[in-house]
Amino acid sequence: MLYDYLMENYGENTPIFVSELDIEGLNESTLRVQIKKMADAGMLKRFDTGIYFIPKKTKFRSGSTISAMQVIEKKYLKNKDKVCGYLSGYMFVNMVGLTTQVPMVYEVVSNNATTDYRKVMINKTRVIVKRPKVLVTNENVGILQFLDLIKDIDVYSEEQGDNLKKRILEIMKKLDITFSALEPYLSYYPEKIYKNMYETGVLAGVSA
C-alpha cells in the first residue's frame, strides 16, 4: 500500500523526503519502520538521511541513482509547478559562462530557507541556503537571480570591460529582462549594485 502510494505520487528516481510524508493511517513511527523495510528489500534506496527514492531498473545490479541537484531542486527550487528558489553564487555564474571555475559548493536562495544563511550537507555535497530578499515567484525569479549576479559581478566574473558588458547584455536579452523590470527590486540591494550596473551597461540597456 505504501509503495503504491509512493509510486503514484513520486514515481521512479524522484527524491522522497520522509519528513514531508503525511499518509492517513500511518503515524511517524510506523511510517519510518515501513520505509526501512522497503529499503532493506530494495524497493527503495536511501540517498541521504531522511531522503529516499524508488530506483528505476537498469542493466546494472546497483540500479539507478539520483543526484544532489535533483534533491536541491525539489527541496529548495520548485514546489510542484511553482518556483520557490534559484541557484546563485559561482554555480549560476558558471552556468552563464562568466567563469570557468567549477564551484564545490551549491548556493541557493529559497523561500524554504529557515534562516538568513545556513550551510547544509546533502550526500557529501555542500549547500549554502539563503533566505531571499523578497518572496521568489515564477514572475520575478529571473530578475532576482540576475540582480544577485550583478551585485557581486566584480567578484565573480573572469570577464572585464567591453567583453563583460556584452555578455551581461546578452544574458538580459536571453532572460527578457529590462532595466524597468529591475527597478522595483533595487532598494533591497546595497548601493554598490548601481556602480556595477553602470559599468556593465545595465542602466541604459546598452553598453555604458
N, C-alpha and C. Protein backbone atom coordinates (compact mmCIF):
# COMPACT_ATOMS: atom_id res chain seq x y z
N MET A 1 0.84 -1.20 0.00
CA MET A 1 0.00 0.00 0.00
C MET A 1 0.88 1.26 0.00
N LEU A 2 1.89 1.30 0.87
CA LEU A 2 2.77 2.46 0.95
C LEU A 2 3.58 2.59 -0.34
N TYR A 3 4.06 1.47 -0.85
CA TYR A 3 4.83 1.51 -2.09
C TYR A 3 3.98 2.04 -3.24
N ASP A 4 2.75 1.58 -3.32
CA ASP A 4 1.85 2.05 -4.38
C ASP A 4 1.62 3.56 -4.26
N TYR A 5 1.47 4.02 -3.03
CA TYR A 5 1.27 5.46 -2.80
C TYR A 5 2.48 6.25 -3.27
N LEU A 6 3.67 5.78 -2.92
CA LEU A 6 4.90 6.48 -3.31
C LEU A 6 5.10 6.46 -4.82
N MET A 7 4.79 5.32 -5.43
CA MET A 7 4.94 5.22 -6.88
C MET A 7 3.96 6.17 -7.58
N GLU A 8 2.76 6.24 -7.08
CA GLU A 8 1.74 7.08 -7.71
C GLU A 8 2.05 8.57 -7.53
N ASN A 9 2.56 8.95 -6.36
CA ASN A 9 2.76 10.36 -6.06
C ASN A 9 4.17 10.88 -6.38
N TYR A 10 5.13 9.97 -6.50
CA TYR A 10 6.51 10.39 -6.76
C TYR A 10 7.09 9.77 -8.03
N GLY A 11 6.84 8.48 -8.21
CA GLY A 11 7.40 7.80 -9.37
C GLY A 11 8.86 7.42 -9.12
N GLU A 12 9.50 6.92 -10.15
CA GLU A 12 10.88 6.45 -10.04
C GLU A 12 11.87 7.60 -10.10
N ASN A 13 12.99 7.41 -9.40
CA ASN A 13 14.11 8.35 -9.43
C ASN A 13 13.72 9.79 -9.05
N THR A 14 12.80 9.92 -8.12
CA THR A 14 12.39 11.23 -7.60
C THR A 14 12.63 11.26 -6.10
N PRO A 15 13.30 12.29 -5.59
CA PRO A 15 13.57 12.36 -4.15
C PRO A 15 12.28 12.31 -3.31
N ILE A 16 12.32 11.50 -2.28
CA ILE A 16 11.20 11.39 -1.33
C ILE A 16 11.72 11.79 0.04
N PHE A 17 11.16 12.86 0.60
CA PHE A 17 11.56 13.32 1.93
C PHE A 17 10.61 12.72 2.95
N VAL A 18 11.14 11.87 3.80
CA VAL A 18 10.29 11.18 4.78
C VAL A 18 9.57 12.17 5.67
N SER A 19 10.23 13.28 6.01
CA SER A 19 9.64 14.27 6.90
C SER A 19 8.40 14.94 6.30
N GLU A 20 8.26 14.86 4.97
CA GLU A 20 7.13 15.50 4.30
C GLU A 20 5.96 14.55 4.09
N LEU A 21 6.16 13.27 4.34
CA LEU A 21 5.10 12.29 4.11
C LEU A 21 4.02 12.39 5.18
N ASP A 22 2.80 12.50 4.75
CA ASP A 22 1.66 12.55 5.67
C ASP A 22 0.58 11.64 5.10
N ILE A 23 0.59 10.40 5.55
CA ILE A 23 -0.29 9.39 4.98
C ILE A 23 -1.29 8.94 6.03
N GLU A 24 -2.54 9.02 5.68
CA GLU A 24 -3.61 8.66 6.61
C GLU A 24 -3.46 7.21 7.05
N GLY A 25 -3.53 7.00 8.35
CA GLY A 25 -3.44 5.64 8.90
C GLY A 25 -2.04 5.22 9.28
N LEU A 26 -1.04 6.05 8.97
CA LEU A 26 0.35 5.73 9.31
C LEU A 26 0.93 6.85 10.17
N ASN A 27 1.27 6.52 11.43
CA ASN A 27 1.93 7.52 12.24
C ASN A 27 3.42 7.57 11.88
N GLU A 28 4.12 8.52 12.42
CA GLU A 28 5.52 8.73 12.05
C GLU A 28 6.38 7.50 12.32
N SER A 29 6.18 6.88 13.47
CA SER A 29 6.99 5.72 13.83
C SER A 29 6.76 4.56 12.87
N THR A 30 5.49 4.25 12.60
CA THR A 30 5.14 3.16 11.70
C THR A 30 5.65 3.44 10.29
N LEU A 31 5.54 4.70 9.87
CA LEU A 31 5.99 5.09 8.54
C LEU A 31 7.47 4.84 8.36
N ARG A 32 8.26 5.22 9.35
CA ARG A 32 9.70 5.03 9.26
C ARG A 32 10.08 3.54 9.26
N VAL A 33 9.35 2.73 10.01
CA VAL A 33 9.59 1.28 10.01
C VAL A 33 9.32 0.70 8.63
N GLN A 34 8.21 1.14 8.01
CA GLN A 34 7.84 0.64 6.69
C GLN A 34 8.86 1.09 5.62
N ILE A 35 9.32 2.32 5.75
CA ILE A 35 10.33 2.83 4.81
C ILE A 35 11.60 2.00 4.90
N LYS A 36 12.02 1.69 6.14
CA LYS A 36 13.24 0.89 6.33
C LYS A 36 13.07 -0.51 5.74
N LYS A 37 11.91 -1.10 5.94
CA LYS A 37 11.66 -2.44 5.40
C LYS A 37 11.75 -2.43 3.87
N MET A 38 11.16 -1.42 3.25
CA MET A 38 11.21 -1.34 1.79
C MET A 38 12.63 -1.09 1.29
N ALA A 39 13.39 -0.30 2.06
CA ALA A 39 14.78 -0.06 1.69
C ALA A 39 15.60 -1.34 1.81
N ASP A 40 15.37 -2.11 2.87
CA ASP A 40 16.08 -3.38 3.06
C ASP A 40 15.73 -4.37 1.94
N ALA A 41 14.50 -4.26 1.42
CA ALA A 41 14.06 -5.17 0.37
C ALA A 41 14.45 -4.68 -1.03
N GLY A 42 15.04 -3.49 -1.11
CA GLY A 42 15.46 -2.96 -2.40
C GLY A 42 14.36 -2.23 -3.15
N MET A 43 13.20 -2.08 -2.54
CA MET A 43 12.10 -1.37 -3.19
C MET A 43 12.35 0.14 -3.16
N LEU A 44 13.08 0.59 -2.16
CA LEU A 44 13.51 1.98 -2.05
C LEU A 44 15.02 2.01 -1.89
N LYS A 45 15.64 3.11 -2.26
CA LYS A 45 17.06 3.30 -2.00
C LYS A 45 17.24 4.58 -1.18
N ARG A 46 18.12 4.49 -0.21
CA ARG A 46 18.41 5.64 0.64
C ARG A 46 19.47 6.51 -0.03
N PHE A 47 19.17 7.79 -0.20
CA PHE A 47 20.13 8.72 -0.79
C PHE A 47 20.91 9.45 0.30
N ASP A 48 20.20 9.83 1.35
CA ASP A 48 20.80 10.52 2.49
C ASP A 48 19.83 10.39 3.65
N THR A 49 20.20 10.91 4.79
CA THR A 49 19.33 10.82 5.96
C THR A 49 17.96 11.40 5.66
N GLY A 50 16.93 10.56 5.76
CA GLY A 50 15.56 11.01 5.54
C GLY A 50 15.18 11.22 4.08
N ILE A 51 16.07 10.85 3.15
CA ILE A 51 15.81 11.04 1.72
C ILE A 51 15.94 9.71 0.99
N TYR A 52 14.88 9.29 0.34
CA TYR A 52 14.86 8.02 -0.39
C TYR A 52 14.34 8.24 -1.80
N PHE A 53 14.40 7.21 -2.62
CA PHE A 53 13.80 7.25 -3.95
C PHE A 53 13.50 5.83 -4.41
N ILE A 54 12.56 5.71 -5.33
CA ILE A 54 12.24 4.41 -5.93
C ILE A 54 13.19 4.21 -7.10
N PRO A 55 14.09 3.23 -7.04
CA PRO A 55 15.07 3.07 -8.12
C PRO A 55 14.45 2.53 -9.40
N LYS A 56 14.92 3.09 -10.50
CA LYS A 56 14.49 2.59 -11.80
C LYS A 56 15.38 1.40 -12.17
N LYS A 57 14.78 0.37 -12.69
CA LYS A 57 15.55 -0.83 -13.03
C LYS A 57 16.49 -0.54 -14.20
N THR A 58 17.72 -0.98 -14.06
CA THR A 58 18.71 -0.84 -15.12
C THR A 58 19.40 -2.17 -15.32
N LYS A 59 20.29 -2.23 -16.29
CA LYS A 59 21.04 -3.47 -16.53
C LYS A 59 22.13 -3.69 -15.48
N PHE A 60 22.38 -2.65 -14.68
CA PHE A 60 23.39 -2.77 -13.63
C PHE A 60 22.74 -3.23 -12.33
N ARG A 61 23.46 -4.05 -11.60
CA ARG A 61 22.92 -4.61 -10.36
C ARG A 61 22.61 -3.52 -9.33
N SER A 62 23.42 -2.48 -9.31
CA SER A 62 23.23 -1.41 -8.33
C SER A 62 21.99 -0.57 -8.61
N GLY A 63 21.45 -0.67 -9.83
CA GLY A 63 20.26 0.09 -10.17
C GLY A 63 20.56 1.56 -10.40
N SER A 64 19.53 2.33 -10.57
CA SER A 64 19.68 3.76 -10.85
C SER A 64 19.98 4.54 -9.58
N THR A 65 20.33 5.80 -9.77
CA THR A 65 20.56 6.67 -8.63
C THR A 65 20.03 8.06 -8.96
N ILE A 66 20.06 8.93 -8.00
CA ILE A 66 19.66 10.32 -8.22
C ILE A 66 20.83 11.21 -7.83
N SER A 67 20.76 12.47 -8.19
CA SER A 67 21.85 13.40 -7.92
C SER A 67 21.48 14.38 -6.81
N ALA A 68 22.51 15.01 -6.25
CA ALA A 68 22.28 16.04 -5.24
C ALA A 68 21.47 17.18 -5.83
N MET A 69 21.69 17.48 -7.12
CA MET A 69 20.96 18.57 -7.76
C MET A 69 19.47 18.29 -7.81
N GLN A 70 19.09 17.04 -8.02
CA GLN A 70 17.66 16.68 -8.01
C GLN A 70 17.05 16.95 -6.64
N VAL A 71 17.81 16.63 -5.60
CA VAL A 71 17.33 16.85 -4.23
C VAL A 71 17.23 18.35 -3.95
N ILE A 72 18.25 19.10 -4.36
CA ILE A 72 18.25 20.54 -4.16
C ILE A 72 17.06 21.19 -4.87
N GLU A 73 16.83 20.75 -6.11
CA GLU A 73 15.73 21.33 -6.89
C GLU A 73 14.39 21.08 -6.22
N LYS A 74 14.18 19.85 -5.76
CA LYS A 74 12.88 19.51 -5.16
C LYS A 74 12.70 20.17 -3.79
N LYS A 75 13.78 20.30 -3.03
CA LYS A 75 13.67 20.83 -1.67
C LYS A 75 13.66 22.36 -1.63
N TYR A 76 14.42 22.98 -2.54
CA TYR A 76 14.61 24.42 -2.44
C TYR A 76 14.18 25.25 -3.65
N LEU A 77 14.04 24.64 -4.83
CA LEU A 77 13.83 25.44 -6.03
C LEU A 77 12.44 25.37 -6.62
N LYS A 78 11.77 24.24 -6.47
CA LYS A 78 10.44 24.11 -7.07
C LYS A 78 9.46 23.42 -6.12
N ASN A 79 8.25 23.93 -6.12
CA ASN A 79 7.17 23.31 -5.36
C ASN A 79 6.06 23.01 -6.35
N LYS A 80 6.10 21.80 -6.90
CA LYS A 80 5.20 21.39 -7.98
C LYS A 80 5.42 22.31 -9.18
N ASP A 81 4.42 23.10 -9.56
CA ASP A 81 4.57 23.96 -10.74
C ASP A 81 4.98 25.37 -10.37
N LYS A 82 5.29 25.60 -9.10
CA LYS A 82 5.66 26.94 -8.65
C LYS A 82 7.15 27.00 -8.30
N VAL A 83 7.80 28.05 -8.77
CA VAL A 83 9.20 28.27 -8.44
C VAL A 83 9.28 28.86 -7.03
N CYS A 84 10.20 28.35 -6.21
CA CYS A 84 10.35 28.87 -4.86
C CYS A 84 11.80 29.22 -4.54
N GLY A 85 12.69 29.14 -5.54
CA GLY A 85 14.08 29.48 -5.28
C GLY A 85 14.89 29.43 -6.56
N TYR A 86 16.17 29.75 -6.42
CA TYR A 86 17.04 29.75 -7.59
C TYR A 86 18.49 29.53 -7.18
N LEU A 87 19.30 29.09 -8.15
CA LEU A 87 20.73 28.94 -7.94
C LEU A 87 21.38 30.31 -7.97
N SER A 88 22.40 30.49 -7.14
CA SER A 88 23.09 31.77 -7.08
C SER A 88 24.59 31.50 -6.94
N GLY A 89 25.36 32.57 -6.71
CA GLY A 89 26.79 32.41 -6.49
C GLY A 89 27.52 31.88 -7.71
N TYR A 90 28.66 31.23 -7.45
CA TYR A 90 29.51 30.75 -8.53
C TYR A 90 28.82 29.72 -9.41
N MET A 91 27.87 28.99 -8.86
CA MET A 91 27.17 27.99 -9.66
C MET A 91 26.43 28.66 -10.82
N PHE A 92 25.71 29.73 -10.53
CA PHE A 92 24.98 30.43 -11.59
C PHE A 92 25.94 31.17 -12.52
N VAL A 93 26.99 31.77 -11.95
CA VAL A 93 27.97 32.49 -12.76
C VAL A 93 28.62 31.53 -13.77
N ASN A 94 28.90 30.32 -13.33
CA ASN A 94 29.45 29.30 -14.22
C ASN A 94 28.44 28.91 -15.30
N MET A 95 27.18 28.80 -14.92
CA MET A 95 26.13 28.40 -15.86
C MET A 95 25.98 29.41 -17.00
N VAL A 96 26.16 30.71 -16.70
CA VAL A 96 26.00 31.73 -17.74
C VAL A 96 27.32 32.04 -18.43
N GLY A 97 28.36 31.32 -18.09
CA GLY A 97 29.61 31.40 -18.81
C GLY A 97 30.52 32.56 -18.46
N LEU A 98 30.37 33.12 -17.24
CA LEU A 98 31.21 34.24 -16.84
C LEU A 98 32.41 33.81 -16.01
N THR A 99 32.51 32.51 -15.73
CA THR A 99 33.68 31.98 -15.04
C THR A 99 33.87 30.53 -15.46
N THR A 100 35.12 30.11 -15.47
CA THR A 100 35.42 28.70 -15.76
C THR A 100 35.58 27.92 -14.46
N GLN A 101 35.50 28.62 -13.35
CA GLN A 101 35.66 27.98 -12.05
C GLN A 101 34.47 27.07 -11.77
N VAL A 102 34.78 25.83 -11.45
CA VAL A 102 33.72 24.86 -11.13
C VAL A 102 33.51 24.88 -9.62
N PRO A 103 32.37 25.37 -9.16
CA PRO A 103 32.15 25.51 -7.72
C PRO A 103 32.04 24.17 -7.00
N MET A 104 32.58 24.12 -5.81
CA MET A 104 32.48 22.93 -4.98
C MET A 104 31.28 23.01 -4.04
N VAL A 105 30.66 24.18 -4.02
CA VAL A 105 29.52 24.42 -3.13
C VAL A 105 28.34 24.93 -3.95
N TYR A 106 27.18 24.38 -3.72
CA TYR A 106 25.96 24.89 -4.34
C TYR A 106 25.43 26.02 -3.46
N GLU A 107 25.05 27.12 -4.08
CA GLU A 107 24.46 28.23 -3.33
C GLU A 107 23.05 28.45 -3.86
N VAL A 108 22.06 28.38 -2.97
CA VAL A 108 20.68 28.56 -3.38
C VAL A 108 20.01 29.62 -2.53
N VAL A 109 19.08 30.33 -3.15
CA VAL A 109 18.24 31.30 -2.46
C VAL A 109 16.82 30.75 -2.54
N SER A 110 16.16 30.57 -1.40
CA SER A 110 14.90 29.84 -1.41
C SER A 110 13.90 30.36 -0.39
N ASN A 111 12.64 30.36 -0.79
CA ASN A 111 11.56 30.67 0.15
C ASN A 111 11.51 29.65 1.28
N ASN A 112 12.06 28.45 1.04
CA ASN A 112 12.02 27.38 2.04
C ASN A 112 13.16 27.47 3.05
N ALA A 113 14.01 28.48 2.90
CA ALA A 113 15.10 28.67 3.87
C ALA A 113 14.51 29.02 5.23
N THR A 114 15.06 28.42 6.26
CA THR A 114 14.55 28.66 7.62
C THR A 114 15.34 29.75 8.34
N THR A 115 16.51 30.11 7.80
CA THR A 115 17.33 31.17 8.38
C THR A 115 17.89 32.02 7.23
N ASP A 116 18.49 33.16 7.56
CA ASP A 116 19.06 34.02 6.53
C ASP A 116 20.21 33.34 5.80
N TYR A 117 20.96 32.53 6.54
CA TYR A 117 22.14 31.88 5.95
C TYR A 117 22.38 30.56 6.69
N ARG A 118 22.49 29.50 5.92
CA ARG A 118 22.69 28.19 6.56
C ARG A 118 23.50 27.28 5.65
N LYS A 119 24.42 26.52 6.23
CA LYS A 119 25.18 25.53 5.49
C LYS A 119 24.63 24.15 5.80
N VAL A 120 24.36 23.37 4.76
CA VAL A 120 23.85 22.01 4.95
C VAL A 120 24.64 21.07 4.06
N MET A 121 24.57 19.79 4.38
CA MET A 121 25.20 18.75 3.57
C MET A 121 24.11 17.85 2.99
N ILE A 122 24.17 17.61 1.70
CA ILE A 122 23.26 16.68 1.04
C ILE A 122 24.10 15.62 0.36
N ASN A 123 24.22 14.49 1.00
CA ASN A 123 25.00 13.38 0.47
C ASN A 123 26.39 13.84 0.02
N LYS A 124 27.13 14.41 0.94
CA LYS A 124 28.51 14.85 0.73
C LYS A 124 28.63 16.11 -0.14
N THR A 125 27.51 16.66 -0.56
CA THR A 125 27.52 17.90 -1.32
C THR A 125 27.21 19.07 -0.39
N ARG A 126 28.09 20.07 -0.38
CA ARG A 126 27.88 21.23 0.48
C ARG A 126 26.93 22.22 -0.19
N VAL A 127 25.97 22.68 0.58
CA VAL A 127 24.96 23.60 0.06
C VAL A 127 24.81 24.78 1.03
N ILE A 128 24.86 25.98 0.47
CA ILE A 128 24.58 27.19 1.25
C ILE A 128 23.16 27.63 0.88
N VAL A 129 22.32 27.74 1.88
CA VAL A 129 20.92 28.11 1.66
C VAL A 129 20.68 29.49 2.25
N LYS A 130 20.17 30.40 1.43
CA LYS A 130 19.91 31.77 1.87
C LYS A 130 18.43 32.11 1.74
N ARG A 131 17.98 32.98 2.61
CA ARG A 131 16.61 33.48 2.52
C ARG A 131 16.57 34.62 1.50
N PRO A 132 15.57 34.67 0.64
CA PRO A 132 15.52 35.72 -0.39
C PRO A 132 15.18 37.09 0.19
N LYS A 133 15.56 38.12 -0.55
CA LYS A 133 15.26 39.49 -0.13
C LYS A 133 13.76 39.76 -0.22
N VAL A 134 13.12 39.18 -1.21
CA VAL A 134 11.67 39.22 -1.36
C VAL A 134 11.21 37.83 -1.78
N LEU A 135 9.93 37.56 -1.64
CA LEU A 135 9.40 36.24 -1.98
C LEU A 135 9.68 35.91 -3.45
N VAL A 136 10.26 34.74 -3.67
CA VAL A 136 10.56 34.30 -5.04
C VAL A 136 9.29 33.75 -5.69
N THR A 137 8.99 34.23 -6.89
CA THR A 137 7.82 33.75 -7.63
C THR A 137 8.22 33.38 -9.05
N ASN A 138 7.29 32.78 -9.77
CA ASN A 138 7.55 32.45 -11.17
C ASN A 138 7.86 33.71 -11.98
N GLU A 139 7.26 34.84 -11.57
CA GLU A 139 7.39 36.07 -12.33
C GLU A 139 8.72 36.80 -12.06
N ASN A 140 9.24 36.71 -10.84
CA ASN A 140 10.43 37.52 -10.52
C ASN A 140 11.71 36.71 -10.35
N VAL A 141 11.65 35.40 -10.51
CA VAL A 141 12.82 34.57 -10.22
C VAL A 141 14.03 34.96 -11.08
N GLY A 142 13.81 35.21 -12.36
CA GLY A 142 14.92 35.59 -13.24
C GLY A 142 15.51 36.94 -12.87
N ILE A 143 14.65 37.85 -12.46
CA ILE A 143 15.09 39.20 -12.06
C ILE A 143 15.96 39.13 -10.81
N LEU A 144 15.52 38.39 -9.81
CA LEU A 144 16.27 38.29 -8.55
C LEU A 144 17.59 37.55 -8.79
N GLN A 145 17.57 36.53 -9.59
CA GLN A 145 18.79 35.78 -9.90
C GLN A 145 19.79 36.68 -10.62
N PHE A 146 19.29 37.50 -11.54
CA PHE A 146 20.14 38.41 -12.28
C PHE A 146 20.72 39.49 -11.38
N LEU A 147 19.90 40.05 -10.48
CA LEU A 147 20.38 41.09 -9.58
C LEU A 147 21.43 40.55 -8.60
N ASP A 148 21.25 39.33 -8.16
CA ASP A 148 22.28 38.70 -7.31
C ASP A 148 23.60 38.61 -8.06
N LEU A 149 23.50 38.28 -9.34
CA LEU A 149 24.70 38.20 -10.18
C LEU A 149 25.38 39.56 -10.30
N ILE A 150 24.60 40.59 -10.61
CA ILE A 150 25.16 41.93 -10.80
C ILE A 150 25.74 42.49 -9.50
N LYS A 151 25.12 42.16 -8.38
CA LYS A 151 25.58 42.69 -7.09
C LYS A 151 27.04 42.36 -6.83
N ASP A 152 27.45 41.17 -7.22
CA ASP A 152 28.82 40.73 -6.95
C ASP A 152 29.57 40.39 -8.23
N ILE A 153 29.17 40.99 -9.35
CA ILE A 153 29.81 40.68 -10.62
C ILE A 153 31.30 41.01 -10.61
N ASP A 154 31.68 42.02 -9.84
CA ASP A 154 33.09 42.41 -9.75
C ASP A 154 33.92 41.34 -9.05
N VAL A 155 33.27 40.51 -8.25
CA VAL A 155 33.96 39.42 -7.54
C VAL A 155 33.94 38.14 -8.37
N TYR A 156 32.80 37.86 -8.99
CA TYR A 156 32.60 36.59 -9.67
C TYR A 156 33.23 36.48 -11.06
N SER A 157 33.08 37.50 -11.87
CA SER A 157 33.35 37.36 -13.30
C SER A 157 34.83 37.35 -13.65
N GLU A 158 35.18 36.47 -14.59
CA GLU A 158 36.53 36.46 -15.14
C GLU A 158 36.61 37.41 -16.35
N GLU A 159 35.45 37.82 -16.86
CA GLU A 159 35.40 38.76 -17.97
C GLU A 159 35.48 40.19 -17.43
N GLN A 160 35.98 41.11 -18.25
CA GLN A 160 36.07 42.51 -17.84
C GLN A 160 35.78 43.42 -19.03
N GLY A 161 35.58 44.71 -18.74
CA GLY A 161 35.43 45.70 -19.78
C GLY A 161 34.31 45.41 -20.76
N ASP A 162 34.60 45.66 -22.06
CA ASP A 162 33.58 45.52 -23.09
C ASP A 162 33.09 44.08 -23.22
N ASN A 163 33.97 43.12 -23.00
CA ASN A 163 33.55 41.72 -23.08
C ASN A 163 32.49 41.41 -22.02
N LEU A 164 32.70 41.93 -20.81
CA LEU A 164 31.73 41.71 -19.74
C LEU A 164 30.41 42.40 -20.06
N LYS A 165 30.48 43.64 -20.54
CA LYS A 165 29.26 44.37 -20.91
C LYS A 165 28.45 43.58 -21.94
N LYS A 166 29.15 43.07 -22.95
CA LYS A 166 28.49 42.32 -24.00
C LYS A 166 27.81 41.08 -23.45
N ARG A 167 28.50 40.35 -22.58
CA ARG A 167 27.94 39.12 -22.02
C ARG A 167 26.73 39.40 -21.13
N ILE A 168 26.83 40.46 -20.33
CA ILE A 168 25.72 40.81 -19.43
C ILE A 168 24.49 41.19 -20.23
N LEU A 169 24.66 41.99 -21.27
CA LEU A 169 23.52 42.39 -22.09
C LEU A 169 22.93 41.20 -22.85
N GLU A 170 23.76 40.25 -23.21
CA GLU A 170 23.27 39.03 -23.84
C GLU A 170 22.42 38.22 -22.87
N ILE A 171 22.86 38.18 -21.60
CA ILE A 171 22.10 37.47 -20.57
C ILE A 171 20.76 38.14 -20.35
N MET A 172 20.75 39.49 -20.31
CA MET A 172 19.49 40.23 -20.13
C MET A 172 18.53 39.93 -21.27
N LYS A 173 19.06 39.91 -22.49
CA LYS A 173 18.21 39.64 -23.65
C LYS A 173 17.66 38.23 -23.60
N LYS A 174 18.51 37.28 -23.24
CA LYS A 174 18.08 35.88 -23.18
C LYS A 174 17.00 35.69 -22.12
N LEU A 175 17.15 36.38 -20.98
CA LEU A 175 16.18 36.26 -19.89
C LEU A 175 15.00 37.22 -20.06
N ASP A 176 15.04 38.03 -21.12
CA ASP A 176 14.00 39.02 -21.40
C ASP A 176 13.82 39.98 -20.22
N ILE A 177 14.95 40.52 -19.74
CA ILE A 177 14.96 41.43 -18.61
C ILE A 177 15.31 42.84 -19.07
N THR A 178 14.53 43.81 -18.65
CA THR A 178 14.79 45.22 -18.92
C THR A 178 15.11 45.94 -17.62
N PHE A 179 15.71 47.11 -17.73
CA PHE A 179 16.01 47.87 -16.51
C PHE A 179 14.74 48.22 -15.75
N SER A 180 13.67 48.54 -16.46
CA SER A 180 12.41 48.90 -15.79
C SER A 180 11.88 47.74 -14.96
N ALA A 181 12.16 46.50 -15.39
CA ALA A 181 11.72 45.33 -14.62
C ALA A 181 12.55 45.17 -13.35
N LEU A 182 13.79 45.67 -13.39
CA LEU A 182 14.68 45.56 -12.23
C LEU A 182 14.37 46.59 -11.15
N GLU A 183 13.90 47.76 -11.58
CA GLU A 183 13.73 48.91 -10.68
C GLU A 183 12.99 48.62 -9.37
N PRO A 184 11.86 47.91 -9.39
CA PRO A 184 11.12 47.69 -8.13
C PRO A 184 11.90 46.93 -7.06
N TYR A 185 12.98 46.25 -7.46
CA TYR A 185 13.72 45.40 -6.52
C TYR A 185 15.06 46.00 -6.09
N LEU A 186 15.45 47.11 -6.68
CA LEU A 186 16.78 47.66 -6.42
C LEU A 186 16.97 48.13 -4.99
N SER A 187 15.90 48.57 -4.34
CA SER A 187 16.01 49.07 -2.96
C SER A 187 16.40 47.99 -1.97
N TYR A 188 16.27 46.72 -2.36
CA TYR A 188 16.63 45.61 -1.48
C TYR A 188 18.12 45.28 -1.54
N TYR A 189 18.83 45.92 -2.44
CA TYR A 189 20.24 45.62 -2.66
C TYR A 189 21.13 46.77 -2.20
N PRO A 190 22.39 46.48 -1.85
CA PRO A 190 23.32 47.54 -1.44
C PRO A 190 23.62 48.51 -2.59
N GLU A 191 24.07 49.71 -2.24
CA GLU A 191 24.29 50.76 -3.24
C GLU A 191 25.32 50.38 -4.30
N LYS A 192 26.24 49.50 -3.98
CA LYS A 192 27.27 49.11 -4.94
C LYS A 192 26.69 48.53 -6.22
N ILE A 193 25.44 48.08 -6.16
CA ILE A 193 24.84 47.46 -7.34
C ILE A 193 24.68 48.49 -8.46
N TYR A 194 24.49 49.77 -8.09
CA TYR A 194 24.34 50.81 -9.12
C TYR A 194 25.64 51.00 -9.89
N LYS A 195 26.74 50.95 -9.18
CA LYS A 195 28.05 51.06 -9.82
C LYS A 195 28.26 49.90 -10.78
N ASN A 196 27.93 48.70 -10.31
CA ASN A 196 28.11 47.52 -11.15
C ASN A 196 27.18 47.55 -12.36
N MET A 197 25.97 48.05 -12.18
CA MET A 197 25.03 48.14 -13.30
C MET A 197 25.52 49.13 -14.34
N TYR A 198 26.06 50.26 -13.89
CA TYR A 198 26.58 51.25 -14.82
C TYR A 198 27.75 50.70 -15.62
N GLU A 199 28.66 50.04 -14.91
CA GLU A 199 29.87 49.54 -15.55
C GLU A 199 29.61 48.37 -16.50
N THR A 200 28.48 47.68 -16.30
CA THR A 200 28.15 46.56 -17.19
C THR A 200 27.07 46.94 -18.21
N GLY A 201 26.68 48.21 -18.25
CA GLY A 201 25.73 48.67 -19.26
C GLY A 201 24.29 48.39 -18.97
N VAL A 202 23.95 47.95 -17.76
CA VAL A 202 22.58 47.59 -17.43
C VAL A 202 21.69 48.82 -17.33
N LEU A 203 22.18 49.93 -16.81
CA LEU A 203 21.36 51.10 -16.55
C LEU A 203 20.64 51.61 -17.78
N ALA A 204 21.33 51.61 -18.90
CA ALA A 204 20.73 52.12 -20.12
C ALA A 204 20.19 51.02 -21.01
N GLY A 205 20.53 49.79 -20.67
CA GLY A 205 20.11 48.68 -21.52
C GLY A 205 21.01 48.53 -22.73
N VAL A 206 22.03 49.42 -22.80
CA VAL A 206 23.05 49.34 -23.86
C VAL A 206 24.39 49.55 -23.19
N SER A 207 25.45 49.26 -23.87
CA SER A 207 26.77 49.42 -23.29
C SER A 207 26.98 50.85 -22.81
N ALA A 208 27.40 50.97 -21.56
CA ALA A 208 27.60 52.31 -20.99
C ALA A 208 28.90 52.89 -21.45
